[in-house]
Amino acid sequence: MVRVDAVLVALAVASALGVISAQHQARRLHTAFEREQVRAQALEVEWGQLQLEQSTWATHGRIEKLARDRLGMHLPPEGQVLVVEP
């Protein structure tokens, strides 16, 4: 009888330790998940800012101004424009 009780106590202790370990791991994983969610939100905000910046840098007016100022490009006179149709 004592032997059965000792086995049952050992099983109960092992089960309790398993529950404690599982709860600790679940809490740790939940904390990591929340941290990654915050990081994902920050990355989404940064992505939106980068898209806005890209659209600003890629405006036609800005590119045309850079072509004139930095590259010395200009529109050709009307007589030099040739339209090629397929």
N, C-alpha and C. Protein backbone atom coordinates (compact mmCIF):
# COMPACT_ATOMS: atom_id res chain seq x y z
N MET A 1 0.82 -1.19 0.00
CA MET A 1 0.00 0.00 0.00
C MET A 1 0.87 1.26 0.00
N VAL A 2 1.93 1.22 0.78
CA VAL A 2 2.82 2.37 0.87
C VAL A 2 3.48 2.61 -0.49
N ARG A 3 3.79 1.52 -1.16
CA ARG A 3 4.43 1.62 -2.45
C ARG A 3 3.49 2.25 -3.47
N VAL A 4 2.22 1.89 -3.46
CA VAL A 4 1.23 2.46 -4.36
C VAL A 4 1.07 3.94 -4.07
N ASP A 5 1.03 4.31 -2.78
CA ASP A 5 0.91 5.72 -2.40
C ASP A 5 2.12 6.52 -2.88
N ALA A 6 3.30 5.94 -2.74
CA ALA A 6 4.51 6.63 -3.17
C ALA A 6 4.50 6.85 -4.69
N VAL A 7 4.04 5.85 -5.42
CA VAL A 7 3.96 5.97 -6.88
C VAL A 7 2.95 7.05 -7.26
N LEU A 8 1.79 7.05 -6.58
CA LEU A 8 0.77 8.05 -6.86
C LEU A 8 1.26 9.47 -6.54
N VAL A 9 1.97 9.63 -5.43
CA VAL A 9 2.52 10.93 -5.06
C VAL A 9 3.55 11.37 -6.11
N ALA A 10 4.40 10.45 -6.53
CA ALA A 10 5.40 10.77 -7.55
C ALA A 10 4.74 11.18 -8.86
N LEU A 11 3.69 10.47 -9.24
CA LEU A 11 2.95 10.82 -10.45
C LEU A 11 2.28 12.19 -10.32
N ALA A 12 1.72 12.47 -9.15
CA ALA A 12 1.07 13.77 -8.92
C ALA A 12 2.10 14.90 -8.99
N VAL A 13 3.25 14.68 -8.38
CA VAL A 13 4.31 15.71 -8.41
C VAL A 13 4.81 15.91 -9.85
N ALA A 14 5.01 14.82 -10.56
CA ALA A 14 5.46 14.93 -11.95
C ALA A 14 4.41 15.64 -12.80
N SER A 15 3.16 15.35 -12.57
CA SER A 15 2.08 16.01 -13.30
C SER A 15 2.04 17.50 -12.98
N ALA A 16 2.19 17.84 -11.70
CA ALA A 16 2.20 19.25 -11.29
C ALA A 16 3.37 19.99 -11.92
N LEU A 17 4.54 19.36 -11.94
CA LEU A 17 5.70 19.99 -12.57
C LEU A 17 5.48 20.17 -14.08
N GLY A 18 4.83 19.22 -14.70
CA GLY A 18 4.51 19.33 -16.13
C GLY A 18 3.56 20.49 -16.40
N VAL A 19 2.56 20.65 -15.54
CA VAL A 19 1.61 21.76 -15.69
C VAL A 19 2.32 23.08 -15.51
N ILE A 20 3.17 23.17 -14.51
CA ILE A 20 3.92 24.41 -14.26
C ILE A 20 4.81 24.74 -15.45
N SER A 21 5.48 23.74 -15.97
CA SER A 21 6.36 23.96 -17.12
C SER A 21 5.56 24.40 -18.35
N ALA A 22 4.43 23.77 -18.59
CA ALA A 22 3.59 24.12 -19.74
C ALA A 22 3.05 25.55 -19.60
N GLN A 23 2.62 25.94 -18.40
CA GLN A 23 2.13 27.30 -18.18
C GLN A 23 3.24 28.32 -18.39
N HIS A 24 4.42 28.01 -17.90
CA HIS A 24 5.54 28.93 -18.06
C HIS A 24 5.88 29.10 -19.55
N GLN A 25 5.91 28.02 -20.27
CA GLN A 25 6.22 28.09 -21.70
C GLN A 25 5.12 28.84 -22.45
N ALA A 26 3.86 28.62 -22.09
CA ALA A 26 2.75 29.32 -22.74
C ALA A 26 2.84 30.82 -22.48
N ARG A 27 3.16 31.22 -21.27
CA ARG A 27 3.30 32.65 -20.95
C ARG A 27 4.48 33.25 -21.72
N ARG A 28 5.57 32.54 -21.79
CA ARG A 28 6.75 33.02 -22.50
C ARG A 28 6.44 33.19 -23.99
N LEU A 29 5.76 32.21 -24.57
CA LEU A 29 5.40 32.29 -25.99
C LEU A 29 4.40 33.41 -26.25
N HIS A 30 3.47 33.61 -25.33
CA HIS A 30 2.48 34.69 -25.48
C HIS A 30 3.17 36.06 -25.43
N THR A 31 4.13 36.21 -24.53
CA THR A 31 4.88 37.46 -24.44
C THR A 31 5.66 37.70 -25.73
N ALA A 32 6.29 36.67 -26.25
CA ALA A 32 7.03 36.80 -27.51
C ALA A 32 6.09 37.14 -28.66
N PHE A 33 4.91 36.55 -28.67
CA PHE A 33 3.91 36.82 -29.70
C PHE A 33 3.47 38.28 -29.66
N GLU A 34 3.18 38.79 -28.47
CA GLU A 34 2.78 40.19 -28.34
C GLU A 34 3.90 41.13 -28.78
N ARG A 35 5.13 40.79 -28.43
CA ARG A 35 6.29 41.60 -28.84
C ARG A 35 6.39 41.65 -30.36
N GLU A 36 6.19 40.51 -31.00
CA GLU A 36 6.27 40.45 -32.46
C GLU A 36 5.10 41.19 -33.11
N GLN A 37 3.93 41.19 -32.47
CA GLN A 37 2.80 41.95 -33.01
C GLN A 37 3.12 43.45 -32.99
N VAL A 38 3.71 43.94 -31.90
CA VAL A 38 4.10 45.34 -31.81
C VAL A 38 5.13 45.66 -32.89
N ARG A 39 6.08 44.76 -33.08
CA ARG A 39 7.10 44.96 -34.11
C ARG A 39 6.47 44.98 -35.50
N ALA A 40 5.50 44.10 -35.75
CA ALA A 40 4.82 44.06 -37.05
C ALA A 40 4.07 45.36 -37.29
N GLN A 41 3.42 45.90 -36.26
CA GLN A 41 2.72 47.18 -36.42
C GLN A 41 3.70 48.30 -36.73
N ALA A 42 4.84 48.31 -36.07
CA ALA A 42 5.85 49.33 -36.34
C ALA A 42 6.37 49.21 -37.77
N LEU A 43 6.55 47.98 -38.24
CA LEU A 43 7.01 47.78 -39.62
C LEU A 43 5.95 48.22 -40.62
N GLU A 44 4.67 48.02 -40.31
CA GLU A 44 3.60 48.47 -41.20
C GLU A 44 3.59 49.99 -41.29
N VAL A 45 3.81 50.67 -40.16
CA VAL A 45 3.87 52.13 -40.17
C VAL A 45 5.05 52.58 -41.01
N GLU A 46 6.20 51.93 -40.81
CA GLU A 46 7.39 52.30 -41.59
C GLU A 46 7.16 52.05 -43.08
N TRP A 47 6.49 50.96 -43.42
CA TRP A 47 6.20 50.64 -44.82
C TRP A 47 5.33 51.73 -45.43
N GLY A 48 4.32 52.18 -44.70
CA GLY A 48 3.47 53.26 -45.20
C GLY A 48 4.26 54.54 -45.42
N GLN A 49 5.16 54.85 -44.50
CA GLN A 49 5.98 56.04 -44.64
C GLN A 49 6.91 55.92 -45.85
N LEU A 50 7.47 54.73 -46.07
CA LEU A 50 8.35 54.52 -47.21
C LEU A 50 7.59 54.62 -48.53
N GLN A 51 6.36 54.13 -48.56
CA GLN A 51 5.56 54.25 -49.78
C GLN A 51 5.25 55.71 -50.08
N LEU A 52 4.93 56.47 -49.03
CA LEU A 52 4.67 57.89 -49.21
C LEU A 52 5.93 58.61 -49.71
N GLU A 53 7.06 58.27 -49.12
CA GLU A 53 8.32 58.88 -49.54
C GLU A 53 8.64 58.52 -50.99
N GLN A 54 8.40 57.28 -51.37
CA GLN A 54 8.67 56.86 -52.74
C GLN A 54 7.78 57.62 -53.71
N SER A 55 6.51 57.78 -53.37
CA SER A 55 5.63 58.50 -54.28
C SER A 55 6.05 59.96 -54.39
N THR A 56 6.58 60.52 -53.32
CA THR A 56 7.06 61.90 -53.36
C THR A 56 8.29 62.02 -54.25
N TRP A 57 9.23 61.09 -54.10
CA TRP A 57 10.46 61.15 -54.88
C TRP A 57 10.23 60.85 -56.36
N ALA A 58 9.17 60.14 -56.67
CA ALA A 58 8.95 59.69 -58.04
C ALA A 58 7.94 60.54 -58.80
N THR A 59 7.59 61.72 -58.30
CA THR A 59 6.64 62.56 -59.03
C THR A 59 7.26 63.02 -60.35
N HIS A 60 6.42 63.18 -61.36
CA HIS A 60 6.91 63.55 -62.69
C HIS A 60 7.59 64.91 -62.66
N GLY A 61 7.02 65.85 -61.93
CA GLY A 61 7.61 67.17 -61.87
C GLY A 61 9.02 67.16 -61.29
N ARG A 62 9.21 66.37 -60.27
CA ARG A 62 10.54 66.29 -59.63
C ARG A 62 11.55 65.65 -60.58
N ILE A 63 11.15 64.58 -61.24
CA ILE A 63 12.05 63.91 -62.17
C ILE A 63 12.39 64.82 -63.34
N GLU A 64 11.40 65.55 -63.85
CA GLU A 64 11.65 66.47 -64.95
C GLU A 64 12.61 67.58 -64.52
N LYS A 65 12.43 68.10 -63.31
CA LYS A 65 13.31 69.16 -62.79
C LYS A 65 14.74 68.63 -62.64
N LEU A 66 14.90 67.42 -62.11
CA LEU A 66 16.23 66.83 -61.99
C LEU A 66 16.87 66.60 -63.35
N ALA A 67 16.08 66.18 -64.32
CA ALA A 67 16.62 65.95 -65.67
C ALA A 67 17.13 67.26 -66.26
N ARG A 68 16.40 68.34 -66.03
CA ARG A 68 16.84 69.63 -66.56
C ARG A 68 18.05 70.16 -65.80
N ASP A 69 17.96 70.14 -64.46
CA ASP A 69 19.01 70.77 -63.64
C ASP A 69 20.31 69.95 -63.62
N ARG A 70 20.21 68.69 -63.34
CA ARG A 70 21.43 67.87 -63.15
C ARG A 70 21.98 67.30 -64.45
N LEU A 71 21.08 66.94 -65.36
CA LEU A 71 21.54 66.26 -66.57
C LEU A 71 21.55 67.18 -67.79
N GLY A 72 21.03 68.39 -67.64
CA GLY A 72 21.01 69.32 -68.76
C GLY A 72 20.08 68.89 -69.88
N MET A 73 19.07 68.12 -69.57
CA MET A 73 18.15 67.64 -70.60
C MET A 73 17.08 68.69 -70.85
N HIS A 74 16.51 68.67 -72.04
CA HIS A 74 15.43 69.59 -72.39
C HIS A 74 14.53 68.91 -73.41
N LEU A 75 13.34 69.47 -73.61
CA LEU A 75 12.43 68.93 -74.60
C LEU A 75 12.92 69.34 -75.98
N PRO A 76 12.89 68.44 -76.95
CA PRO A 76 13.32 68.80 -78.31
C PRO A 76 12.29 69.72 -78.97
N PRO A 77 12.73 70.48 -79.94
CA PRO A 77 11.77 71.32 -80.67
C PRO A 77 10.75 70.43 -81.39
N GLU A 78 9.60 71.02 -81.74
CA GLU A 78 8.51 70.23 -82.33
C GLU A 78 8.91 69.53 -83.61
N GLY A 79 9.75 70.13 -84.40
CA GLY A 79 10.16 69.53 -85.66
C GLY A 79 11.03 68.31 -85.50
N GLN A 80 11.65 68.15 -84.35
CA GLN A 80 12.54 67.01 -84.12
C GLN A 80 11.84 65.82 -83.46
N VAL A 81 10.58 65.98 -83.10
CA VAL A 81 9.85 64.89 -82.44
C VAL A 81 9.29 63.97 -83.50
N LEU A 82 9.57 62.72 -83.41
CA LEU A 82 9.09 61.72 -84.36
C LEU A 82 8.31 60.67 -83.58
N VAL A 83 7.07 60.50 -83.93
CA VAL A 83 6.21 59.51 -83.27
C VAL A 83 6.24 58.22 -84.08
N VAL A 84 6.61 57.15 -83.45
CA VAL A 84 6.68 55.85 -84.13
C VAL A 84 5.51 55.02 -83.68
N GLU A 85 4.76 54.56 -84.65
CA GLU A 85 3.59 53.72 -84.34
C GLU A 85 3.88 52.29 -84.75
N PRO A 86 3.41 51.34 -83.99
CA PRO A 86 3.69 49.93 -84.34
C PRO A 86 2.96 49.47 -85.58
